[in-house]
Every structure is written in structure tokens, then in C-alpha cells.
Amino acid sequence: MLISHWGLSFPRRRHPPPRPPRLSRPPPRKPRPRRPPIRPPRRLRPPPPRPPRRPPRPPPSSPAISTSPAPPLSK
């Protein structure tokens, strides 16, 4: 395959210099949207078990166990 090298021998076409922009007023700059800071995702902990509304009644055969604190032992 014959590759022509004629294009390389000619001087490259120079683009015209860019026109300077009109100095009327600069274009309005868009305000940058403020990104909220990236917070690590919170681990969803299971809620603590809720205590029962009222303690279950002991069966009639066993005596009721009192939950009051023991009286201080006197020496």
C-alpha cells in the first residue's frame, strides 16, 4: 500500500487567531451547588426489646415471687 507523503511537505494551514471576546460583561457564573458532606451510613441497630406491659401472673400452684429488694441484713 502506497502512503502519500505529499500532505507533510506542504506548510500546515494555520487557523486564524481566535477573536478576543467582547469585553461587555463576563457571563454570569453559575453558583456551584453545595454538596452535603458525605456521612457514613448509620448502622441500623435493632431497637431494644420493649418490656412487657404487665408482668405475667404466676400460675396459682407456685407462690408469687416478690421483686422488691431484700431488706438490709442487721448485724
PDB file of N, CA and C in Angstrom:
ATOM      1  N   MET A   1       0.857  -1.189   0.000  1.00  0.00           N
ATOM      2  CA  MET A   1       0.000   0.000   0.000  1.00  0.00           C
ATOM      3  C   MET A   1       0.897   1.244   0.000  1.00  0.00           C
ATOM      4  N   LEU A   2       0.652   2.119  -0.974  1.00  0.00           N
ATOM      5  CA  LEU A   2       1.490   3.318  -1.105  1.00  0.00           C
ATOM      6  C   LEU A   2       0.910   4.445  -0.249  1.00  0.00           C
ATOM      7  N   ILE A   3       1.706   4.939   0.679  1.00  0.00           N
ATOM      8  CA  ILE A   3       1.245   6.038   1.536  1.00  0.00           C
ATOM      9  C   ILE A   3       1.811   7.326   0.973  1.00  0.00           C
ATOM     10  N   SER A   4       0.915   8.245   0.658  1.00  0.00           N
ATOM     11  CA  SER A   4       1.378   9.510   0.082  1.00  0.00           C
ATOM     12  C   SER A   4       1.897  10.409   1.189  1.00  0.00           C
ATOM     13  N   HIS A   5       3.025  11.028   0.963  1.00  0.00           N
ATOM     14  CA  HIS A   5       3.570  11.938   1.960  1.00  0.00           C
ATOM     15  C   HIS A   5       3.505  13.375   1.465  1.00  0.00           C
ATOM     16  N   TRP A   6       2.658  13.618   0.469  1.00  0.00           N
ATOM     17  CA  TRP A   6       2.564  14.980  -0.048  1.00  0.00           C
ATOM     18  C   TRP A   6       1.989  15.929   0.998  1.00  0.00           C
ATOM     19  N   GLY A   7       1.087  15.397   1.826  1.00  0.00           N
ATOM     20  CA  GLY A   7       0.465  16.286   2.808  1.00  0.00           C
ATOM     21  C   GLY A   7       1.460  16.815   3.814  1.00  0.00           C
ATOM     22  N   LEU A   8       2.542  16.075   4.047  1.00  0.00           N
ATOM     23  CA  LEU A   8       3.507  16.518   5.043  1.00  0.00           C
ATOM     24  C   LEU A   8       4.447  17.588   4.499  1.00  0.00           C
ATOM     25  N   SER A   9       4.584  17.644   3.175  1.00  0.00           N
ATOM     26  CA  SER A   9       5.549  18.607   2.637  1.00  0.00           C
ATOM     27  C   SER A   9       4.971  20.010   2.566  1.00  0.00           C
ATOM     28  N   PHE A  10       3.670  20.127   2.480  1.00  0.00           N
ATOM     29  CA  PHE A  10       3.081  21.463   2.415  1.00  0.00           C
ATOM     30  C   PHE A  10       3.050  22.082   3.797  1.00  0.00           C
ATOM     31  N   PRO A  11       3.173  23.399   3.886  1.00  0.00           N
ATOM     32  CA  PRO A  11       3.074  24.018   5.218  1.00  0.00           C
ATOM     33  C   PRO A  11       1.671  23.816   5.774  1.00  0.00           C
ATOM     34  N   ARG A  12       1.600  23.585   7.055  1.00  0.00           N
ATOM     35  CA  ARG A  12       0.286  23.322   7.667  1.00  0.00           C
ATOM     36  C   ARG A  12      -0.545  24.579   7.630  1.00  0.00           C
ATOM     37  N   ARG A  13      -1.823  24.396   7.381  1.00  0.00           N
ATOM     38  CA  ARG A  13      -2.712  25.550   7.347  1.00  0.00           C
ATOM     39  C   ARG A  13      -2.905  26.040   8.767  1.00  0.00           C
ATOM     40  N   ARG A  14      -2.591  27.292   9.001  1.00  0.00           N
ATOM     41  CA  ARG A  14      -2.736  27.813  10.354  1.00  0.00           C
ATOM     42  C   ARG A  14      -4.120  28.387  10.511  1.00  0.00           C
ATOM     43  N   HIS A  15      -4.702  28.094  11.629  1.00  0.00           N
ATOM     44  CA  HIS A  15      -6.038  28.631  11.885  1.00  0.00           C
ATOM     45  C   HIS A  15      -5.903  30.110  12.184  1.00  0.00           C
ATOM     46  N   PRO A  16      -6.905  30.894  11.808  1.00  0.00           N
ATOM     47  CA  PRO A  16      -6.831  32.320  12.148  1.00  0.00           C
ATOM     48  C   PRO A  16      -6.834  32.483  13.664  1.00  0.00           C
ATOM     49  N   PRO A  17      -6.172  33.508  14.172  1.00  0.00           N
ATOM     50  CA  PRO A  17      -6.150  33.671  15.634  1.00  0.00           C
ATOM     51  C   PRO A  17      -7.568  33.874  16.156  1.00  0.00           C
ATOM     52  N   PRO A  18      -7.883  33.325  17.313  1.00  0.00           N
ATOM     53  CA  PRO A  18      -9.251  33.491  17.836  1.00  0.00           C
ATOM     54  C   PRO A  18      -9.527  34.950  18.137  1.00  0.00           C
ATOM     55  N   ARG A  19     -10.761  35.348  17.841  1.00  0.00           N
ATOM     56  CA  ARG A  19     -11.118  36.746  18.098  1.00  0.00           C
ATOM     57  C   ARG A  19     -11.192  36.978  19.596  1.00  0.00           C
ATOM     58  N   PRO A  20     -10.690  38.115  20.066  1.00  0.00           N
ATOM     59  CA  PRO A  20     -10.825  38.370  21.504  1.00  0.00           C
ATOM     60  C   PRO A  20     -12.296  38.571  21.854  1.00  0.00           C
ATOM     61  N   PRO A  21     -12.736  38.053  22.995  1.00  0.00           N
ATOM     62  CA  PRO A  21     -14.156  38.211  23.345  1.00  0.00           C
ATOM     63  C   PRO A  21     -14.486  39.670  23.613  1.00  0.00           C
ATOM     64  N   ARG A  22     -15.738  40.009  23.353  1.00  0.00           N
ATOM     65  CA  ARG A  22     -16.163  41.389  23.639  1.00  0.00           C
ATOM     66  C   ARG A  22     -16.158  41.598  25.144  1.00  0.00           C
ATOM     67  N   LEU A  23     -15.582  42.722  25.559  1.00  0.00           N
ATOM     68  CA  LEU A  23     -15.463  42.957  26.992  1.00  0.00           C
ATOM     69  C   LEU A  23     -16.654  43.749  27.500  1.00  0.00           C
ATOM     70  N   SER A  24     -17.860  43.245  27.249  1.00  0.00           N
ATOM     71  CA  SER A  24     -19.019  43.961  27.771  1.00  0.00           C
ATOM     72  C   SER A  24     -19.185  43.601  29.246  1.00  0.00           C
ATOM     73  N   ARG A  25     -19.517  42.398  29.515  1.00  0.00           N
ATOM     74  CA  ARG A  25     -19.536  41.937  30.907  1.00  0.00           C
ATOM     75  C   ARG A  25     -19.357  40.427  30.887  1.00  0.00           C
ATOM     76  N   PRO A  26     -18.693  39.911  31.862  1.00  0.00           N
ATOM     77  CA  PRO A  26     -18.442  38.471  31.841  1.00  0.00           C
ATOM     78  C   PRO A  26     -19.746  37.696  31.964  1.00  0.00           C
ATOM     79  N   PRO A  27     -19.801  36.517  31.413  1.00  0.00           N
ATOM     80  CA  PRO A  27     -21.036  35.735  31.543  1.00  0.00           C
ATOM     81  C   PRO A  27     -21.286  35.394  33.006  1.00  0.00           C
ATOM     82  N   PRO A  28     -22.537  35.358  33.405  1.00  0.00           N
ATOM     83  CA  PRO A  28     -22.820  35.080  34.823  1.00  0.00           C
ATOM     84  C   PRO A  28     -22.355  33.673  35.182  1.00  0.00           C
ATOM     85  N   ARG A  29     -21.629  33.611  36.279  1.00  0.00           N
ATOM     86  CA  ARG A  29     -21.142  32.292  36.711  1.00  0.00           C
ATOM     87  C   ARG A  29     -22.227  31.586  37.481  1.00  0.00           C
ATOM     88  N   LYS A  30     -22.430  30.345  37.121  1.00  0.00           N
ATOM     89  CA  LYS A  30     -23.456  29.575  37.835  1.00  0.00           C
ATOM     90  C   LYS A  30     -22.932  29.258  39.227  1.00  0.00           C
ATOM     91  N   PRO A  31     -23.731  29.492  40.249  1.00  0.00           N
ATOM     92  CA  PRO A  31     -23.259  29.118  41.587  1.00  0.00           C
ATOM     93  C   PRO A  31     -23.128  27.602  41.675  1.00  0.00           C
ATOM     94  N   ARG A  32     -22.071  27.190  42.309  1.00  0.00           N
ATOM     95  CA  ARG A  32     -21.842  25.751  42.418  1.00  0.00           C
ATOM     96  C   ARG A  32     -22.816  25.159  43.424  1.00  0.00           C
ATOM     97  N   PRO A  33     -23.518  24.112  43.068  1.00  0.00           N
ATOM     98  CA  PRO A  33     -24.447  23.540  44.059  1.00  0.00           C
ATOM     99  C   PRO A  33     -23.664  22.971  45.234  1.00  0.00           C
ATOM    100  N   ARG A  34     -24.105  23.345  46.422  1.00  0.00           N
ATOM    101  CA  ARG A  34     -23.391  22.882  47.617  1.00  0.00           C
ATOM    102  C   ARG A  34     -23.765  21.443  47.878  1.00  0.00           C
ATOM    103  N   ARG A  35     -22.742  20.616  47.902  1.00  0.00           N
ATOM    104  CA  ARG A  35     -22.999  19.195  48.150  1.00  0.00           C
ATOM    105  C   ARG A  35     -23.003  18.946  49.639  1.00  0.00           C
ATOM    106  N   PRO A  36     -23.981  18.228  50.136  1.00  0.00           N
ATOM    107  CA  PRO A  36     -23.936  17.925  51.572  1.00  0.00           C
ATOM    108  C   PRO A  36     -22.744  17.023  51.864  1.00  0.00           C
ATOM    109  N   PRO A  37     -22.130  17.163  53.025  1.00  0.00           N
ATOM    110  CA  PRO A  37     -20.974  16.318  53.326  1.00  0.00           C
ATOM    111  C   PRO A  37     -21.379  14.853  53.361  1.00  0.00           C
ATOM    112  N   ILE A  38     -20.493  14.027  52.880  1.00  0.00           N
ATOM    113  CA  ILE A  38     -20.808  12.597  52.838  1.00  0.00           C
ATOM    114  C   ILE A  38     -20.640  12.034  54.239  1.00  0.00           C
ATOM    115  N   ARG A  39     -21.760  11.556  54.786  1.00  0.00           N
ATOM    116  CA  ARG A  39     -21.710  10.971  56.122  1.00  0.00           C
ATOM    117  C   ARG A  39     -21.732   9.460  55.977  1.00  0.00           C
ATOM    118  N   PRO A  40     -20.986   8.748  56.792  1.00  0.00           N
ATOM    119  CA  PRO A  40     -21.060   7.290  56.672  1.00  0.00           C
ATOM    120  C   PRO A  40     -22.458   6.816  57.029  1.00  0.00           C
ATOM    121  N   PRO A  41     -22.958   5.808  56.347  1.00  0.00           N
ATOM    122  CA  PRO A  41     -24.317   5.353  56.662  1.00  0.00           C
ATOM    123  C   PRO A  41     -24.386   4.814  58.083  1.00  0.00           C
ATOM    124  N   ARG A  42     -25.467   5.192  58.761  1.00  0.00           N
ATOM    125  CA  ARG A  42     -25.610   4.740  60.145  1.00  0.00           C
ATOM    126  C   ARG A  42     -26.000   3.275  60.154  1.00  0.00           C
ATOM    127  N   ARG A  43     -25.391   2.532  61.049  1.00  0.00           N
ATOM    128  CA  ARG A  43     -25.779   1.130  61.187  1.00  0.00           C
ATOM    129  C   ARG A  43     -27.140   1.095  61.859  1.00  0.00           C
ATOM    130  N   LEU A  44     -28.048   0.364  61.285  1.00  0.00           N
ATOM    131  CA  LEU A  44     -29.383   0.271  61.875  1.00  0.00           C
ATOM    132  C   LEU A  44     -29.348  -0.804  62.950  1.00  0.00           C
ATOM    133  N   ARG A  45     -29.326  -0.334  64.188  1.00  0.00           N
ATOM    134  CA  ARG A  45     -29.326  -1.305  65.283  1.00  0.00           C
ATOM    135  C   ARG A  45     -30.757  -1.703  65.575  1.00  0.00           C
ATOM    136  N   PRO A  46     -30.991  -2.959  65.901  1.00  0.00           N
ATOM    137  CA  PRO A  46     -32.367  -3.326  66.248  1.00  0.00           C
ATOM    138  C   PRO A  46     -32.779  -2.597  67.517  1.00  0.00           C
ATOM    139  N   PRO A  47     -34.011  -2.163  67.599  1.00  0.00           N
ATOM    140  CA  PRO A  47     -34.435  -1.439  68.799  1.00  0.00           C
ATOM    141  C   PRO A  47     -34.361  -2.351  70.019  1.00  0.00           C
ATOM    142  N   PRO A  48     -34.111  -1.789  71.203  1.00  0.00           N
ATOM    143  CA  PRO A  48     -34.040  -2.645  72.392  1.00  0.00           C
ATOM    144  C   PRO A  48     -35.381  -3.312  72.641  1.00  0.00           C
ATOM    145  N   PRO A  49     -35.368  -4.524  73.170  1.00  0.00           N
ATOM    146  CA  PRO A  49     -36.654  -5.203  73.403  1.00  0.00           C
ATOM    147  C   PRO A  49     -37.486  -4.428  74.409  1.00  0.00           C
ATOM    148  N   ARG A  50     -38.743  -4.263  74.092  1.00  0.00           N
ATOM    149  CA  ARG A  50     -39.612  -3.491  74.986  1.00  0.00           C
ATOM    150  C   ARG A  50     -40.085  -4.396  76.113  1.00  0.00           C
ATOM    151  N   PRO A  51     -40.059  -3.891  77.333  1.00  0.00           N
ATOM    152  CA  PRO A  51     -40.541  -4.735  78.442  1.00  0.00           C
ATOM    153  C   PRO A  51     -42.038  -4.978  78.292  1.00  0.00           C
ATOM    154  N   PRO A  52     -42.502  -6.114  78.779  1.00  0.00           N
ATOM    155  CA  PRO A  52     -43.949  -6.379  78.674  1.00  0.00           C
ATOM    156  C   PRO A  52     -44.726  -5.346  79.472  1.00  0.00           C
ATOM    157  N   ARG A  53     -45.942  -5.109  79.033  1.00  0.00           N
ATOM    158  CA  ARG A  53     -46.745  -4.068  79.691  1.00  0.00           C
ATOM    159  C   ARG A  53     -47.008  -4.414  81.151  1.00  0.00           C
ATOM    160  N   ARG A  54     -47.377  -5.639  81.434  1.00  0.00           N
ATOM    161  CA  ARG A  54     -47.541  -6.036  82.839  1.00  0.00           C
ATOM    162  C   ARG A  54     -46.928  -7.409  83.002  1.00  0.00           C
ATOM    163  N   PRO A  55     -46.306  -7.658  84.125  1.00  0.00           N
ATOM    164  CA  PRO A  55     -45.644  -8.952  84.298  1.00  0.00           C
ATOM    165  C   PRO A  55     -46.664 -10.081  84.231  1.00  0.00           C
ATOM    166  N   PRO A  56     -46.279 -11.212  83.659  1.00  0.00           N
ATOM    167  CA  PRO A  56     -47.233 -12.326  83.593  1.00  0.00           C
ATOM    168  C   PRO A  56     -47.552 -12.828  84.998  1.00  0.00           C
ATOM    169  N   ARG A  57     -48.798 -13.180  85.180  1.00  0.00           N
ATOM    170  CA  ARG A  57     -49.203 -13.639  86.512  1.00  0.00           C
ATOM    171  C   ARG A  57     -48.666 -15.047  86.741  1.00  0.00           C
ATOM    172  N   PRO A  58     -48.094 -15.301  87.917  1.00  0.00           N
ATOM    173  CA  PRO A  58     -47.589 -16.656  88.170  1.00  0.00           C
ATOM    174  C   PRO A  58     -48.751 -17.635  88.243  1.00  0.00           C
ATOM    175  N   PRO A  59     -48.488 -18.887  87.876  1.00  0.00           N
ATOM    176  CA  PRO A  59     -49.570 -19.872  87.992  1.00  0.00           C
ATOM    177  C   PRO A  59     -49.987 -20.016  89.458  1.00  0.00           C
ATOM    178  N   PRO A  60     -51.214 -20.343  89.688  1.00  0.00           N
ATOM    179  CA  PRO A  60     -51.701 -20.398  91.089  1.00  0.00           C
ATOM    180  C   PRO A  60     -50.977 -21.449  91.933  1.00  0.00           C
ATOM    181  N   SER A  61     -50.362 -22.447  91.314  1.00  0.00           N
ATOM    182  CA  SER A  61     -49.733 -23.500  92.116  1.00  0.00           C
ATOM    183  C   SER A  61     -48.453 -23.004  92.786  1.00  0.00           C
ATOM    184  N   SER A  62     -47.679 -22.080  92.094  1.00  0.00           N
ATOM    185  CA  SER A  62     -46.421 -21.628  92.698  1.00  0.00           C
ATOM    186  C   SER A  62     -46.658 -20.309  93.430  1.00  0.00           C
ATOM    187  N   PRO A  63     -45.980 -20.112  94.551  1.00  0.00           N
ATOM    188  CA  PRO A  63     -46.177 -18.844  95.273  1.00  0.00           C
ATOM    189  C   PRO A  63     -45.585 -17.673  94.481  1.00  0.00           C
ATOM    190  N   ALA A  64     -46.165 -16.514  94.648  1.00  0.00           N
ATOM    191  CA  ALA A  64     -45.699 -15.331  93.922  1.00  0.00           C
ATOM    192  C   ALA A  64     -44.328 -14.932  94.442  1.00  0.00           C
ATOM    193  N   ILE A  65     -43.403 -14.669  93.511  1.00  0.00           N
ATOM    194  CA  ILE A  65     -42.055 -14.264  93.914  1.00  0.00           C
ATOM    195  C   ILE A  65     -42.041 -12.741  93.972  1.00  0.00           C
ATOM    196  N   SER A  66     -41.667 -12.202  95.113  1.00  0.00           N
ATOM    197  CA  SER A  66     -41.674 -10.743  95.248  1.00  0.00           C
ATOM    198  C   SER A  66     -40.429 -10.180  94.575  1.00  0.00           C
ATOM    199  N   THR A  67     -40.603  -9.081  93.840  1.00  0.00           N
ATOM    200  CA  THR A  67     -39.476  -8.459  93.146  1.00  0.00           C
ATOM    201  C   THR A  67     -38.926  -7.291  93.942  1.00  0.00           C
ATOM    202  N   SER A  68     -39.431  -7.092  95.165  1.00  0.00           N
ATOM    203  CA  SER A  68     -38.932  -5.966  95.954  1.00  0.00           C
ATOM    204  C   SER A  68     -37.530  -6.308  96.465  1.00  0.00           C
ATOM    205  N   PRO A  69     -36.664  -5.294  96.635  1.00  0.00           N
ATOM    206  CA  PRO A  69     -35.309  -5.605  97.126  1.00  0.00           C
ATOM    207  C   PRO A  69     -35.341  -6.206  98.524  1.00  0.00           C
ATOM    208  N   ALA A  70     -34.360  -7.040  98.812  1.00  0.00           N
ATOM    209  CA  ALA A  70     -34.322  -7.704 100.120  1.00  0.00           C
ATOM    210  C   ALA A  70     -34.044  -6.667 101.204  1.00  0.00           C
ATOM    211  N   PRO A  71     -34.619  -6.816 102.362  1.00  0.00           N
ATOM    212  CA  PRO A  71     -34.356  -5.849 103.441  1.00  0.00           C
ATOM    213  C   PRO A  71     -32.893  -5.964 103.877  1.00  0.00           C
ATOM    214  N   PRO A  72     -32.252  -4.852 104.282  1.00  0.00           N
ATOM    215  CA  PRO A  72     -30.842  -4.935 104.694  1.00  0.00           C
ATOM    216  C   PRO A  72     -30.677  -5.856 105.897  1.00  0.00           C
ATOM    217  N   LEU A  73     -29.601  -6.623 105.862  1.00  0.00           N
ATOM    218  CA  LEU A  73     -29.366  -7.557 106.969  1.00  0.00           C
ATOM    219  C   LEU A  73     -28.818  -6.775 108.163  1.00  0.00           C
ATOM    220  N   SER A  74     -29.446  -6.966 109.315  1.00  0.00           N
ATOM    221  CA  SER A  74     -28.973  -6.264 110.518  1.00  0.00           C
ATOM    222  C   SER A  74     -28.003  -7.175 111.265  1.00  0.00           C
ATOM    223  N   LYS A  75     -26.905  -6.611 111.731  1.00  0.00           N
ATOM    224  CA  LYS A  75     -25.914  -7.445 112.434  1.00  0.00           C
ATOM    225  C   LYS A  75     -26.185  -7.445 113.922  1.00  0.00           C
TER     226      LYS A  75
END
